């Protein structure tokens, strides 16, 4: 199910979006739960935090959509923001709040369909970008892109980030289950690597591009790890493997 919010002060434009959602739901057999708000202030006060996507008008009373989007991002990094506007010049500013896209008014169904189809495919991966870790009485919400690698030492799991290390009691398997399998791979039984942060692989050594840390690839994990790494390279060009 897609949870959608429409923040729009013009009733006719809100009705157009509503009809687009209804048509998309029928054509794709996907349930959509929709909430309507006439201004951004009400949205910030009442929206459900697990909302998947918000269609946000830019020109609204009380506070404009760009300002509202900046406030959304302070508390919610996963909600998908699509601006609905008749002013193309706002597109550049949208990058500052990681807007998914812009749609020009009046919204046409073909544009709406393409956006929602993409969102339907990626919403789970966007939400899974963040992981929650409980350590020493605190809960940390971590962007998985910031994880360099994870190592198990005795009964402690060390999550090594760009900014430091979080240590907690647990297992490597628990972390493996909550991480994106397309971006993370085990190089040996006690270590998971973020494939994004690999500088190169030479023989059985992984070189991490931020800390210059060297990680060992075990014999029994090597084939699966190298397959994972190769698949990641295909999807994300620009990483070089050195096998000499």
Foldseek 3Di string as FASTA:
>chain_A
DAEEEEAAQDPVLVVLVVVLVVVLCVVVVNDYHYHYHNHLVVCVVDPDLPHAEYAAEQDHPPHGRLVSLVVCCVPHVQHAYEYEEQDPVCVVVVVVSPHPYYAYPPHDNVVVNVVVVVSVVCSVVSVLQWDWDDAPNDIDIDRVVQFFKWFDDDQWIWGQGLVGITIHGDAPVVVVVSHDLLQWDDQDRGMIGGLVQFQEAEAQWTQGNRPRDIDGRDPVRVVVVVVSNVSSCVVPPDHDYDHD
